[in-house]
Amino acid sequence: MKSENQQEYSKPSNGAEEKKIEKEVEEKKDEQIEEYGQMTLEDHPGKKKIYLLTIIGEVEGHENLSGSSKTTKYDHILPKLAEIEDDQTIKGLLVLLNTSGGDVDAGLAIAEMIASLSIPTVSLVLGGSHSIGVPLAVSADYSFIVPTGTMMIHPVRMTGMIIGASQTYDYFEMIQDRILSFVSSHAKIAYDQLKRLMLNTEMLTRDLGTVLVGSETVKEGLIDEVGGIKEALKKLYQMMEEESC
């Protein structure tokens, strides 16, 4: 009888332990979403896991921005992308973008990492993907933009003191060439056409550059297709199926 009673008492104990573990897992997921804007989509009937990565606000580089700024920290993103590549259970990556741009080196580092992943990748531009957000958007295997989404292409800008010497301008040219080369090699737009958009003097008042909205980005060859989350997920699952064949 004693052993039976012990068994009876052990059942609710195990149930309570399972609930505790489930709660801890959910809390960890919520914390990951809140802190990094990242989560794993794993409830699809096909049981193929997709990792959801968001790039929002300003892409933060080597210096921390103010606590009130919404940022994407590249030192958080790079290790996560390496982990995704090493995780055999993750079969696809969906990148959601709503960014004003940010640090050039940090943005290009993230873009190069996304472009080098072996799993299928799809990007979706929501509010906007400006400045260094352009190479981030085209770094995926296939890209979408919502009808009202925007992309701003402009020359490299720097804060702080700028020395007016020829070497400084050469350095600016080198940085711009890195961006232009990456985008033109990962999108359907030619290098020269992209440079013309970057140096356009007709659109932005007192500045250089071009703003493209929705279907204009597709027409110019930057983005593959206009669509939303439904189309982006459908395309990614299709690519994942083709990858597994």
C-alpha atoms as a PDB file:
ATOM      1  CA  MET A   1       0.000   0.000   0.000  1.00  0.00           C
ATOM      2  CA  LYS A   2       2.787   2.373   0.860  1.00  0.00           C
ATOM      3  CA  SER A   3       4.446   1.959  -2.515  1.00  0.00           C
ATOM      4  CA  GLU A   4       1.091   2.524  -4.258  1.00  0.00           C
ATOM      5  CA  ASN A   5       0.575   5.754  -2.326  1.00  0.00           C
ATOM      6  CA  GLN A   6       4.060   6.860  -3.263  1.00  0.00           C
ATOM      7  CA  GLN A   7       3.259   6.183  -6.934  1.00  0.00           C
ATOM      8  CA  GLU A   8       0.030   8.143  -6.649  1.00  0.00           C
ATOM      9  CA  TYR A   9       1.846  11.114  -5.163  1.00  0.00           C
ATOM     10  CA  SER A  10       4.590  10.954  -7.782  1.00  0.00           C
ATOM     11  CA  LYS A  11       2.177  11.490 -10.685  1.00  0.00           C
ATOM     12  CA  PRO A  12       1.088  15.025  -9.821  1.00  0.00           C
ATOM     13  CA  SER A  13       4.697  15.796  -8.978  1.00  0.00           C
ATOM     14  CA  ASN A  14       5.795  14.765 -12.480  1.00  0.00           C
ATOM     15  CA  GLY A  15       2.919  16.714 -14.012  1.00  0.00           C
ATOM     16  CA  ALA A  16       3.895  19.811 -12.069  1.00  0.00           C
ATOM     17  CA  GLU A  17       7.505  19.388 -13.179  1.00  0.00           C
ATOM     18  CA  GLU A  18       6.457  19.128 -16.841  1.00  0.00           C
ATOM     19  CA  LYS A  19       4.349  22.279 -16.534  1.00  0.00           C
ATOM     20  CA  LYS A  20       7.269  24.063 -14.922  1.00  0.00           C
ATOM     21  CA  ILE A  21       9.584  23.070 -17.771  1.00  0.00           C
ATOM     22  CA  GLU A  22       6.996  24.116 -20.373  1.00  0.00           C
ATOM     23  CA  LYS A  23       6.607  27.482 -18.651  1.00  0.00           C
ATOM     24  CA  GLU A  24      10.369  28.001 -18.586  1.00  0.00           C
ATOM     25  CA  VAL A  25      10.607  27.168 -22.306  1.00  0.00           C
ATOM     26  CA  GLU A  26       7.811  29.634 -23.133  1.00  0.00           C
ATOM     27  CA  GLU A  27       9.402  32.336 -21.005  1.00  0.00           C
ATOM     28  CA  LYS A  28      12.723  31.773 -22.764  1.00  0.00           C
ATOM     29  CA  LYS A  29      11.019  32.084 -26.155  1.00  0.00           C
ATOM     30  CA  ASP A  30       9.260  35.292 -25.093  1.00  0.00           C
ATOM     31  CA  GLU A  31      12.538  36.697 -23.784  1.00  0.00           C
ATOM     32  CA  GLN A  32      14.293  35.853 -27.052  1.00  0.00           C
ATOM     33  CA  ILE A  33      11.594  37.602 -29.075  1.00  0.00           C
ATOM     34  CA  GLU A  34      11.583  40.659 -26.826  1.00  0.00           C
ATOM     35  CA  GLU A  35      15.359  40.982 -26.594  1.00  0.00           C
ATOM     36  CA  TYR A  36      16.520  39.937 -30.063  1.00  0.00           C
ATOM     37  CA  GLY A  37      13.413  39.704 -32.274  1.00  0.00           C
ATOM     38  CA  GLN A  38      14.224  36.061 -33.013  1.00  0.00           C
ATOM     39  CA  MET A  39      12.241  32.846 -32.826  1.00  0.00           C
ATOM     40  CA  THR A  40      11.890  29.426 -34.454  1.00  0.00           C
ATOM     41  CA  LEU A  41       8.778  28.576 -36.468  1.00  0.00           C
ATOM     42  CA  GLU A  42       8.196  24.850 -36.001  1.00  0.00           C
ATOM     43  CA  ASP A  43       4.429  24.213 -36.073  1.00  0.00           C
ATOM     44  CA  HIS A  44       4.124  23.709 -39.830  1.00  0.00           C
ATOM     45  CA  PRO A  45       2.479  20.369 -40.797  1.00  0.00           C
ATOM     46  CA  GLY A  46       5.634  19.450 -42.712  1.00  0.00           C
ATOM     47  CA  LYS A  47       7.610  19.690 -39.445  1.00  0.00           C
ATOM     48  CA  LYS A  48      10.344  21.745 -41.090  1.00  0.00           C
ATOM     49  CA  LYS A  49      11.801  24.371 -38.793  1.00  0.00           C
ATOM     50  CA  ILE A  50      12.248  27.936 -39.987  1.00  0.00           C
ATOM     51  CA  TYR A  51      14.268  30.487 -38.079  1.00  0.00           C
ATOM     52  CA  LEU A  52      12.749  33.974 -37.969  1.00  0.00           C
ATOM     53  CA  LEU A  53      15.253  36.829 -37.770  1.00  0.00           C
ATOM     54  CA  THR A  54      14.216  40.490 -37.517  1.00  0.00           C
ATOM     55  CA  ILE A  55      16.433  43.426 -38.423  1.00  0.00           C
ATOM     56  CA  ILE A  56      14.757  46.545 -37.085  1.00  0.00           C
ATOM     57  CA  GLY A  57      15.689  50.073 -36.100  1.00  0.00           C
ATOM     58  CA  GLU A  58      19.325  50.992 -36.632  1.00  0.00           C
ATOM     59  CA  VAL A  59      22.053  48.442 -37.278  1.00  0.00           C
ATOM     60  CA  GLU A  60      24.483  48.933 -34.410  1.00  0.00           C
ATOM     61  CA  GLY A  61      28.218  48.624 -34.994  1.00  0.00           C
ATOM     62  CA  HIS A  62      31.168  48.803 -32.617  1.00  0.00           C
ATOM     63  CA  GLU A  63      29.667  51.625 -30.567  1.00  0.00           C
ATOM     64  CA  ASN A  64      26.528  51.276 -28.446  1.00  0.00           C
ATOM     65  CA  LEU A  65      23.700  53.619 -29.344  1.00  0.00           C
ATOM     66  CA  SER A  66      21.518  55.340 -26.753  1.00  0.00           C
ATOM     67  CA  GLY A  67      19.225  53.168 -24.668  1.00  0.00           C
ATOM     68  CA  SER A  68      16.150  54.825 -26.202  1.00  0.00           C
ATOM     69  CA  SER A  69      17.120  53.762 -29.734  1.00  0.00           C
ATOM     70  CA  LYS A  70      15.668  50.601 -31.241  1.00  0.00           C
ATOM     71  CA  THR A  71      18.691  48.740 -32.621  1.00  0.00           C
ATOM     72  CA  THR A  72      19.856  45.496 -34.165  1.00  0.00           C
ATOM     73  CA  LYS A  73      23.186  44.491 -32.636  1.00  0.00           C
ATOM     74  CA  TYR A  74      25.470  42.763 -35.091  1.00  0.00           C
ATOM     75  CA  ASP A  75      27.437  41.075 -32.305  1.00  0.00           C
ATOM     76  CA  HIS A  76      24.185  39.263 -31.409  1.00  0.00           C
ATOM     77  CA  ILE A  77      23.226  38.439 -35.003  1.00  0.00           C
ATOM     78  CA  LEU A  78      26.531  37.005 -36.239  1.00  0.00           C
ATOM     79  CA  PRO A  79      26.821  34.218 -33.613  1.00  0.00           C
ATOM     80  CA  LYS A  80      23.149  33.367 -34.133  1.00  0.00           C
ATOM     81  CA  LEU A  81      23.664  32.995 -37.895  1.00  0.00           C
ATOM     82  CA  ALA A  82      26.647  30.709 -37.242  1.00  0.00           C
ATOM     83  CA  GLU A  83      24.482  28.672 -34.871  1.00  0.00           C
ATOM     84  CA  ILE A  84      21.726  28.433 -37.519  1.00  0.00           C
ATOM     85  CA  GLU A  85      24.209  27.137 -40.091  1.00  0.00           C
ATOM     86  CA  ASP A  86      25.403  24.498 -37.628  1.00  0.00           C
ATOM     87  CA  ASP A  87      21.882  23.416 -36.575  1.00  0.00           C
ATOM     88  CA  GLN A  88      20.787  20.512 -38.775  1.00  0.00           C
ATOM     89  CA  THR A  89      17.161  20.832 -37.634  1.00  0.00           C
ATOM     90  CA  ILE A  90      16.697  24.341 -39.088  1.00  0.00           C
ATOM     91  CA  LYS A  91      15.843  24.119 -42.783  1.00  0.00           C
ATOM     92  CA  GLY A  92      15.171  27.744 -43.717  1.00  0.00           C
ATOM     93  CA  LEU A  93      15.649  31.385 -42.667  1.00  0.00           C
ATOM     94  CA  LEU A  94      13.092  34.192 -42.943  1.00  0.00           C
ATOM     95  CA  VAL A  95      14.467  37.722 -42.456  1.00  0.00           C
ATOM     96  CA  LEU A  96      12.026  40.546 -41.654  1.00  0.00           C
ATOM     97  CA  LEU A  97      13.410  44.037 -42.249  1.00  0.00           C
ATOM     98  CA  ASN A  98      12.281  47.449 -41.070  1.00  0.00           C
ATOM     99  CA  THR A  99      15.503  49.385 -40.713  1.00  0.00           C
ATOM    100  CA  SER A 100      16.738  52.926 -41.244  1.00  0.00           C
ATOM    101  CA  GLY A 101      20.266  51.660 -41.941  1.00  0.00           C
ATOM    102  CA  GLY A 102      23.253  52.059 -39.663  1.00  0.00           C
ATOM    103  CA  ASP A 103      26.885  50.978 -39.446  1.00  0.00           C
ATOM    104  CA  VAL A 104      28.232  50.004 -42.880  1.00  0.00           C
ATOM    105  CA  ASP A 105      30.748  47.383 -41.728  1.00  0.00           C
ATOM    106  CA  ALA A 106      28.253  45.774 -39.350  1.00  0.00           C
ATOM    107  CA  GLY A 107      25.510  45.714 -41.984  1.00  0.00           C
ATOM    108  CA  LEU A 108      27.778  44.211 -44.644  1.00  0.00           C
ATOM    109  CA  ALA A 109      29.047  41.609 -42.164  1.00  0.00           C
ATOM    110  CA  ILE A 110      25.473  40.459 -41.476  1.00  0.00           C
ATOM    111  CA  ALA A 111      24.636  40.526 -45.191  1.00  0.00           C
ATOM    112  CA  GLU A 112      27.682  38.408 -46.078  1.00  0.00           C
ATOM    113  CA  MET A 113      26.755  35.885 -43.366  1.00  0.00           C
ATOM    114  CA  ILE A 114      23.171  35.570 -44.633  1.00  0.00           C
ATOM    115  CA  ALA A 115      24.376  35.233 -48.225  1.00  0.00           C
ATOM    116  CA  SER A 116      26.791  32.438 -47.263  1.00  0.00           C
ATOM    117  CA  LEU A 117      24.236  30.238 -45.442  1.00  0.00           C
ATOM    118  CA  SER A 118      23.672  26.818 -46.993  1.00  0.00           C
ATOM    119  CA  ILE A 119      19.934  26.735 -46.179  1.00  0.00           C
ATOM    120  CA  PRO A 120      17.265  28.546 -48.254  1.00  0.00           C
ATOM    121  CA  THR A 121      16.750  32.167 -47.197  1.00  0.00           C
ATOM    122  CA  VAL A 122      13.960  34.661 -47.897  1.00  0.00           C
ATOM    123  CA  SER A 123      13.780  38.332 -46.903  1.00  0.00           C
ATOM    124  CA  LEU A 124      10.710  40.529 -46.488  1.00  0.00           C
ATOM    125  CA  VAL A 125      10.934  44.334 -46.409  1.00  0.00           C
ATOM    126  CA  LEU A 126       8.122  45.781 -44.315  1.00  0.00           C
ATOM    127  CA  GLY A 127       8.162  49.504 -43.392  1.00  0.00           C
ATOM    128  CA  GLY A 128      11.492  50.143 -45.045  1.00  0.00           C
ATOM    129  CA  SER A 129      15.020  48.903 -45.632  1.00  0.00           C
ATOM    130  CA  HIS A 130      17.138  51.977 -46.153  1.00  0.00           C
ATOM    131  CA  SER A 131      20.826  52.667 -46.648  1.00  0.00           C
ATOM    132  CA  ILE A 132      22.795  49.603 -45.427  1.00  0.00           C
ATOM    133  CA  GLY A 133      19.412  47.882 -45.232  1.00  0.00           C
ATOM    134  CA  VAL A 134      19.554  47.531 -49.039  1.00  0.00           C
ATOM    135  CA  PRO A 135      22.378  44.923 -49.070  1.00  0.00           C
ATOM    136  CA  LEU A 136      20.709  43.222 -46.089  1.00  0.00           C
ATOM    137  CA  ALA A 137      17.466  42.864 -48.060  1.00  0.00           C
ATOM    138  CA  VAL A 138      19.128  41.438 -51.176  1.00  0.00           C
ATOM    139  CA  SER A 139      21.445  39.084 -49.262  1.00  0.00           C
ATOM    140  CA  ALA A 140      18.722  36.401 -49.119  1.00  0.00           C
ATOM    141  CA  ASP A 141      18.178  33.898 -51.918  1.00  0.00           C
ATOM    142  CA  TYR A 142      14.794  35.488 -52.674  1.00  0.00           C
ATOM    143  CA  SER A 143      13.374  38.839 -51.580  1.00  0.00           C
ATOM    144  CA  PHE A 144       9.916  40.358 -51.072  1.00  0.00           C
ATOM    145  CA  ILE A 145       8.659  43.835 -50.274  1.00  0.00           C
ATOM    146  CA  VAL A 146       5.182  44.895 -49.171  1.00  0.00           C
ATOM    147  CA  PRO A 147       3.386  47.350 -51.517  1.00  0.00           C
ATOM    148  CA  THR A 148       4.039  50.307 -49.193  1.00  0.00           C
ATOM    149  CA  GLY A 149       7.590  49.305 -48.259  1.00  0.00           C
ATOM    150  CA  THR A 150      10.424  51.683 -49.147  1.00  0.00           C
ATOM    151  CA  MET A 151      14.113  51.440 -49.913  1.00  0.00           C
ATOM    152  CA  MET A 152      16.475  54.418 -49.875  1.00  0.00           C
ATOM    153  CA  ILE A 153      19.733  54.299 -51.804  1.00  0.00           C
ATOM    154  CA  HIS A 154      22.193  57.098 -51.056  1.00  0.00           C
ATOM    155  CA  PRO A 155      25.946  57.744 -50.835  1.00  0.00           C
ATOM    156  CA  VAL A 156      27.855  56.768 -47.704  1.00  0.00           C
ATOM    157  CA  ARG A 157      27.553  59.341 -44.941  1.00  0.00           C
ATOM    158  CA  MET A 158      29.832  59.697 -41.949  1.00  0.00           C
ATOM    159  CA  THR A 159      29.397  61.415 -38.620  1.00  0.00           C
ATOM    160  CA  GLY A 160      32.081  63.323 -36.780  1.00  0.00           C
ATOM    161  CA  MET A 161      35.033  65.239 -38.210  1.00  0.00           C
ATOM    162  CA  ILE A 162      35.854  64.633 -41.856  1.00  0.00           C
ATOM    163  CA  ILE A 163      39.255  65.622 -43.188  1.00  0.00           C
ATOM    164  CA  GLY A 164      38.955  67.352 -46.541  1.00  0.00           C
ATOM    165  CA  ALA A 165      41.761  65.464 -48.239  1.00  0.00           C
ATOM    166  CA  SER A 166      41.788  63.364 -51.377  1.00  0.00           C
ATOM    167  CA  GLN A 167      42.480  60.245 -49.315  1.00  0.00           C
ATOM    168  CA  THR A 168      39.208  60.788 -47.444  1.00  0.00           C
ATOM    169  CA  TYR A 169      37.208  60.878 -50.661  1.00  0.00           C
ATOM    170  CA  ASP A 170      39.056  57.813 -51.942  1.00  0.00           C
ATOM    171  CA  TYR A 171      38.051  56.010 -48.753  1.00  0.00           C
ATOM    172  CA  PHE A 172      34.407  57.018 -49.254  1.00  0.00           C
ATOM    173  CA  GLU A 173      34.568  55.699 -52.820  1.00  0.00           C
ATOM    174  CA  MET A 174      35.993  52.405 -51.586  1.00  0.00           C
ATOM    175  CA  ILE A 175      33.166  51.953 -49.064  1.00  0.00           C
ATOM    176  CA  GLN A 176      30.540  52.791 -51.677  1.00  0.00           C
ATOM    177  CA  ASP A 177      32.126  50.354 -54.105  1.00  0.00           C
ATOM    178  CA  ARG A 178      31.823  47.564 -51.501  1.00  0.00           C
ATOM    179  CA  ILE A 179      28.102  48.274 -51.122  1.00  0.00           C
ATOM    180  CA  LEU A 180      27.458  48.634 -54.864  1.00  0.00           C
ATOM    181  CA  SER A 181      29.384  45.451 -55.673  1.00  0.00           C
ATOM    182  CA  PHE A 182      27.546  43.394 -53.054  1.00  0.00           C
ATOM    183  CA  VAL A 183      24.080  44.594 -54.057  1.00  0.00           C
ATOM    184  CA  SER A 184      24.653  44.232 -57.808  1.00  0.00           C
ATOM    185  CA  SER A 185      26.008  40.700 -57.325  1.00  0.00           C
ATOM    186  CA  HIS A 186      23.015  39.590 -55.223  1.00  0.00           C
ATOM    187  CA  ALA A 187      20.220  41.401 -57.086  1.00  0.00           C
ATOM    188  CA  LYS A 188      19.131  41.875 -60.690  1.00  0.00           C
ATOM    189  CA  ILE A 189      20.355  45.458 -60.944  1.00  0.00           C
ATOM    190  CA  ALA A 190      23.549  46.445 -62.746  1.00  0.00           C
ATOM    191  CA  TYR A 191      26.354  48.179 -60.870  1.00  0.00           C
ATOM    192  CA  ASP A 192      26.148  51.353 -62.993  1.00  0.00           C
ATOM    193  CA  GLN A 193      22.374  51.635 -62.667  1.00  0.00           C
ATOM    194  CA  LEU A 194      22.603  51.245 -58.883  1.00  0.00           C
ATOM    195  CA  LYS A 195      25.297  53.924 -58.763  1.00  0.00           C
ATOM    196  CA  ARG A 196      23.064  56.281 -60.760  1.00  0.00           C
ATOM    197  CA  LEU A 197      20.285  55.788 -58.207  1.00  0.00           C
ATOM    198  CA  MET A 198      22.753  56.397 -55.382  1.00  0.00           C
ATOM    199  CA  LEU A 199      24.055  59.661 -56.859  1.00  0.00           C
ATOM    200  CA  ASN A 200      20.695  60.929 -58.135  1.00  0.00           C
ATOM    201  CA  THR A 201      20.292  64.667 -57.503  1.00  0.00           C
ATOM    202  CA  GLU A 202      16.671  65.038 -58.617  1.00  0.00           C
ATOM    203  CA  MET A 203      14.677  63.267 -55.889  1.00  0.00           C
ATOM    204  CA  LEU A 204      15.982  64.090 -52.414  1.00  0.00           C
ATOM    205  CA  THR A 205      16.017  67.805 -51.616  1.00  0.00           C
ATOM    206  CA  ARG A 206      19.518  69.131 -50.795  1.00  0.00           C
ATOM    207  CA  ASP A 207      20.917  65.613 -50.857  1.00  0.00           C
ATOM    208  CA  LEU A 208      21.774  62.705 -53.110  1.00  0.00           C
ATOM    209  CA  GLY A 209      19.958  59.441 -53.503  1.00  0.00           C
ATOM    210  CA  THR A 210      16.729  57.738 -54.516  1.00  0.00           C
ATOM    211  CA  VAL A 211      13.705  56.426 -52.638  1.00  0.00           C
ATOM    212  CA  LEU A 212      11.881  53.487 -54.217  1.00  0.00           C
ATOM    213  CA  VAL A 213       8.452  52.280 -53.099  1.00  0.00           C
ATOM    214  CA  GLY A 214       7.073  48.736 -53.390  1.00  0.00           C
ATOM    215  CA  SER A 215       6.866  47.684 -57.043  1.00  0.00           C
ATOM    216  CA  GLU A 216       9.513  50.266 -58.041  1.00  0.00           C
ATOM    217  CA  THR A 217      12.134  48.181 -56.236  1.00  0.00           C
ATOM    218  CA  VAL A 218      11.100  45.163 -58.335  1.00  0.00           C
ATOM    219  CA  LYS A 219      11.120  47.202 -61.552  1.00  0.00           C
ATOM    220  CA  GLU A 220      14.673  48.384 -60.815  1.00  0.00           C
ATOM    221  CA  GLY A 221      15.815  44.822 -60.067  1.00  0.00           C
ATOM    222  CA  LEU A 222      16.578  45.251 -56.373  1.00  0.00           C
ATOM    223  CA  ILE A 223      13.787  43.052 -54.997  1.00  0.00           C
ATOM    224  CA  ASP A 224      12.378  39.899 -56.582  1.00  0.00           C
ATOM    225  CA  GLU A 225       8.669  40.272 -55.831  1.00  0.00           C
ATOM    226  CA  VAL A 226       5.975  42.364 -54.143  1.00  0.00           C
ATOM    227  CA  GLY A 227       4.260  40.381 -51.394  1.00  0.00           C
ATOM    228  CA  GLY A 228       3.687  39.931 -47.696  1.00  0.00           C
ATOM    229  CA  ILE A 229       4.267  37.298 -45.052  1.00  0.00           C
ATOM    230  CA  LYS A 230       1.977  34.781 -46.770  1.00  0.00           C
ATOM    231  CA  GLU A 231       3.928  34.944 -50.013  1.00  0.00           C
ATOM    232  CA  ALA A 232       7.293  34.976 -48.241  1.00  0.00           C
ATOM    233  CA  LEU A 233       6.549  31.847 -46.202  1.00  0.00           C
ATOM    234  CA  LYS A 234       5.039  30.063 -49.198  1.00  0.00           C
ATOM    235  CA  LYS A 235       8.167  30.757 -51.247  1.00  0.00           C
ATOM    236  CA  LEU A 236      10.473  29.643 -48.437  1.00  0.00           C
ATOM    237  CA  TYR A 237       8.620  26.354 -47.921  1.00  0.00           C
ATOM    238  CA  GLN A 238       8.763  25.780 -51.683  1.00  0.00           C
ATOM    239  CA  MET A 239      12.521  26.359 -51.685  1.00  0.00           C
ATOM    240  CA  MET A 240      12.928  24.049 -48.704  1.00  0.00           C
ATOM    241  CA  GLU A 241      10.994  21.297 -50.491  1.00  0.00           C
ATOM    242  CA  GLU A 242      13.179  21.680 -53.579  1.00  0.00           C
ATOM    243  CA  GLU A 243      16.293  21.563 -51.385  1.00  0.00           C
ATOM    244  CA  SER A 244      15.213  18.269 -49.804  1.00  0.00           C
ATOM    245  CA  CYS A 245      14.538  16.562 -53.170  1.00  0.00           C
END
